[in-house]
C-alpha atoms as a PDB file:
ATOM      1  CA  MET A   1       0.000   0.000   0.000  1.00  0.00           C
ATOM      2  CA  ARG A   2       2.808   2.406   0.809  1.00  0.00           C
ATOM      3  CA  ALA A   3       4.401   1.782  -2.578  1.00  0.00           C
ATOM      4  CA  VAL A   4       1.156   2.774  -4.263  1.00  0.00           C
ATOM      5  CA  ALA A   5       0.811   5.854  -2.073  1.00  0.00           C
ATOM      6  CA  GLU A   6       4.328   6.950  -2.979  1.00  0.00           C
ATOM      7  CA  SER A   7       3.991   6.394  -6.725  1.00  0.00           C
ATOM      8  CA  ASP A   8       3.772   9.069  -9.379  1.00  0.00           C
ATOM      9  CA  ALA A   9       0.714   7.309 -10.781  1.00  0.00           C
ATOM     10  CA  ALA A  10      -1.125   7.817  -7.492  1.00  0.00           C
ATOM     11  CA  ARG A  11      -0.135  11.479  -7.431  1.00  0.00           C
ATOM     12  CA  VAL A  12      -1.519  11.978 -10.942  1.00  0.00           C
ATOM     13  CA  ALA A  13      -4.687   9.936 -10.332  1.00  0.00           C
ATOM     14  CA  LEU A  14      -5.556  11.361  -6.927  1.00  0.00           C
ATOM     15  CA  GLY A  15      -4.046  14.821  -6.910  1.00  0.00           C
ATOM     16  CA  GLU A  16      -1.901  16.221  -4.113  1.00  0.00           C
ATOM     17  CA  GLU A  17      -4.713  16.921  -1.633  1.00  0.00           C
ATOM     18  CA  ARG A  18      -6.350  13.501  -1.866  1.00  0.00           C
ATOM     19  CA  LEU A  19      -2.981  11.770  -1.885  1.00  0.00           C
ATOM     20  CA  ALA A  20      -2.005  13.591   1.316  1.00  0.00           C
ATOM     21  CA  ALA A  21      -5.269  12.507   2.955  1.00  0.00           C
ATOM     22  CA  TYR A  22      -4.731   8.939   1.774  1.00  0.00           C
ATOM     23  CA  ARG A  23      -1.192   8.875   3.161  1.00  0.00           C
ATOM     24  CA  SER A  24      -2.381  10.307   6.454  1.00  0.00           C
ATOM     25  CA  ALA A  25      -5.086   7.654   6.758  1.00  0.00           C
ATOM     26  CA  LEU A  26      -2.572   4.965   5.870  1.00  0.00           C
ATOM     27  CA  GLU A  27      -0.225   6.154   8.631  1.00  0.00           C
ATOM     28  CA  ARG A  28      -3.008   6.174  11.218  1.00  0.00           C
ATOM     29  CA  ASP A  29      -4.239   2.776  10.107  1.00  0.00           C
ATOM     30  CA  THR A  30      -0.840   1.170  10.601  1.00  0.00           C
ATOM     31  CA  ALA A  31      -0.237   2.748  13.997  1.00  0.00           C
ATOM     32  CA  PRO A  32      -0.397   0.235  16.819  1.00  0.00           C
ATOM     33  CA  ALA A  33      -3.751   0.110  18.563  1.00  0.00           C
ATOM     34  CA  PRO A  34      -3.833   1.045  22.226  1.00  0.00           C
ATOM     35  CA  PRO A  35      -4.071  -1.854  24.657  1.00  0.00           C
ATOM     36  CA  ALA A  36      -7.542  -3.347  25.003  1.00  0.00           C
ATOM     37  CA  ARG A  37      -7.859  -2.094  28.585  1.00  0.00           C
ATOM     38  CA  VAL A  38      -7.327   1.497  27.381  1.00  0.00           C
ATOM     39  CA  GLN A  39      -9.972   1.013  24.690  1.00  0.00           C
ATOM     40  CA  VAL A  40     -12.411  -0.261  27.332  1.00  0.00           C
ATOM     41  CA  ILE A  41     -11.710   2.749  29.567  1.00  0.00           C
ATOM     42  CA  GLU A  42     -12.169   5.179  26.661  1.00  0.00           C
ATOM     43  CA  SER A  43     -15.377   3.436  25.638  1.00  0.00           C
ATOM     44  CA  ALA A  44     -16.680   3.668  29.194  1.00  0.00           C
ATOM     45  CA  ALA A  45     -15.841   7.385  29.256  1.00  0.00           C
ATOM     46  CA  MET A  46     -17.893   7.915  26.092  1.00  0.00           C
ATOM     47  CA  TRP A  47     -21.024   6.958  28.041  1.00  0.00           C
ATOM     48  CA  TRP A  48     -21.289  10.485  29.447  1.00  0.00           C
ATOM     49  CA  PHE A  49     -21.237  11.974  25.950  1.00  0.00           C
ATOM     50  CA  SER A  50     -23.864   9.510  24.744  1.00  0.00           C
ATOM     51  CA  MET A  51     -26.078  10.475  27.651  1.00  0.00           C
ATOM     52  CA  ALA A  52     -25.553  14.178  26.970  1.00  0.00           C
ATOM     53  CA  VAL A  53     -26.544  13.819  23.330  1.00  0.00           C
ATOM     54  CA  SER A  54     -29.561  11.645  24.116  1.00  0.00           C
ATOM     55  CA  GLN A  55     -30.839  14.169  26.664  1.00  0.00           C
ATOM     56  CA  PHE A  56     -30.045  17.390  24.821  1.00  0.00           C
ATOM     57  CA  GLU A  57     -33.715  18.190  24.243  1.00  0.00           C
ATOM     58  CA  GLN A  58     -34.199  18.406  27.992  1.00  0.00           C
ATOM     59  CA  GLU A  59     -31.305  20.784  28.570  1.00  0.00           C
ATOM     60  CA  ASP A  60     -28.832  22.941  26.746  1.00  0.00           C
ATOM     61  CA  LEU A  61     -26.544  20.693  24.650  1.00  0.00           C
ATOM     62  CA  GLU A  62     -23.464  22.817  25.286  1.00  0.00           C
ATOM     63  CA  THR A  63     -23.955  22.604  29.037  1.00  0.00           C
ATOM     64  CA  ALA A  64     -24.611  18.869  28.852  1.00  0.00           C
ATOM     65  CA  LEU A  65     -21.467  18.286  26.791  1.00  0.00           C
ATOM     66  CA  GLN A  66     -19.383  20.387  29.166  1.00  0.00           C
ATOM     67  CA  GLN A  67     -20.586  18.297  32.094  1.00  0.00           C
ATOM     68  CA  ALA A  68     -19.903  15.124  30.099  1.00  0.00           C
ATOM     69  CA  GLN A  69     -16.345  16.336  29.513  1.00  0.00           C
ATOM     70  CA  VAL A  70     -15.855  16.973  33.219  1.00  0.00           C
ATOM     71  CA  SER A  71     -17.280  13.582  34.196  1.00  0.00           C
ATOM     72  CA  ALA A  72     -15.304  11.698  31.552  1.00  0.00           C
ATOM     73  CA  GLY A  73     -12.134  13.516  32.587  1.00  0.00           C
ATOM     74  CA  GLN A  74     -12.666  12.665  36.236  1.00  0.00           C
ATOM     75  CA  PHE A  75     -13.304   9.034  35.343  1.00  0.00           C
ATOM     76  CA  MET A  76     -10.240   8.801  33.082  1.00  0.00           C
ATOM     77  CA  ALA A  77      -8.004  10.362  35.739  1.00  0.00           C
ATOM     78  CA  CYS A  78      -9.312   8.025  38.419  1.00  0.00           C
ATOM     79  CA  ALA A  79      -8.960   4.974  36.146  1.00  0.00           C
ATOM     80  CA  ALA A  80      -5.402   5.940  35.233  1.00  0.00           C
ATOM     81  CA  ALA A  81      -4.521   6.329  38.902  1.00  0.00           C
ATOM     82  CA  ALA A  82      -6.120   2.954  39.637  1.00  0.00           C
ATOM     83  CA  GLY A  83      -3.925   1.307  37.053  1.00  0.00           C
ATOM     84  CA  GLU A  84      -6.662   0.685  34.453  1.00  0.00           C
ATOM     85  CA  ALA A  85      -6.230  -3.098  34.727  1.00  0.00           C
ATOM     86  CA  ASP A  86      -8.295  -3.630  37.873  1.00  0.00           C
ATOM     87  CA  LEU A  87     -11.958  -3.841  36.873  1.00  0.00           C
ATOM     88  CA  ASP A  88     -13.143  -3.388  40.462  1.00  0.00           C
ATOM     89  CA  ALA A  89     -11.097  -0.201  40.816  1.00  0.00           C
ATOM     90  CA  VAL A  90     -12.308   1.140  37.474  1.00  0.00           C
ATOM     91  CA  SER A  91     -15.896   0.330  38.450  1.00  0.00           C
ATOM     92  CA  SER A  92     -15.356   2.223  41.685  1.00  0.00           C
ATOM     93  CA  CYS A  93     -14.118   5.195  39.657  1.00  0.00           C
ATOM     94  CA  ALA A  94     -17.311   5.125  37.616  1.00  0.00           C
ATOM     95  CA  ARG A  95     -19.399   5.012  40.810  1.00  0.00           C
ATOM     96  CA  GLU A  96     -17.472   7.959  42.298  1.00  0.00           C
ATOM     97  CA  VAL A  97     -18.213  10.082  39.240  1.00  0.00           C
ATOM     98  CA  ASP A  98     -21.758   8.897  38.492  1.00  0.00           C
ATOM     99  CA  ALA A  99     -23.611   6.081  40.229  1.00  0.00           C
ATOM    100  CA  GLY A 100     -25.779   5.735  37.120  1.00  0.00           C
ATOM    101  CA  HIS A 101     -22.875   4.656  34.920  1.00  0.00           C
ATOM    102  CA  PRO A 102     -23.163   1.000  33.813  1.00  0.00           C
ATOM    103  CA  LEU A 103     -19.711   0.194  35.232  1.00  0.00           C
ATOM    104  CA  ALA A 104     -20.785   1.533  38.613  1.00  0.00           C
ATOM    105  CA  GLN A 105     -23.211  -1.362  38.897  1.00  0.00           C
ATOM    106  CA  MET A 106     -20.450  -3.990  38.492  1.00  0.00           C
ATOM    107  CA  VAL A 107     -18.833  -3.637  41.901  1.00  0.00           C
ATOM    108  CA  PRO A 108     -20.502  -5.760  44.599  1.00  0.00           C
END
């Protein structure tokens, strides 16, 4: 794929702007994925944004997204401090930030 992206034929066929976008996507695609535990933590943090968007008719979207950012940030900081590998600790972090978070229900 890189050979194609670096060829003169690709430059002619795609043009400079599209070729640059293609190369950029190719670089991102080949970058190593974060560890699964980090992906789980990030996915759990997205819950606050999903809730904000689903409830935006009831309140101001900007305010809801700002609160989601604060909550997600608090959760991510707590999870990082907990070591991210301990599900009980991460669940506790979710409960500390918002008892309604699905992970908050996992800790006995």
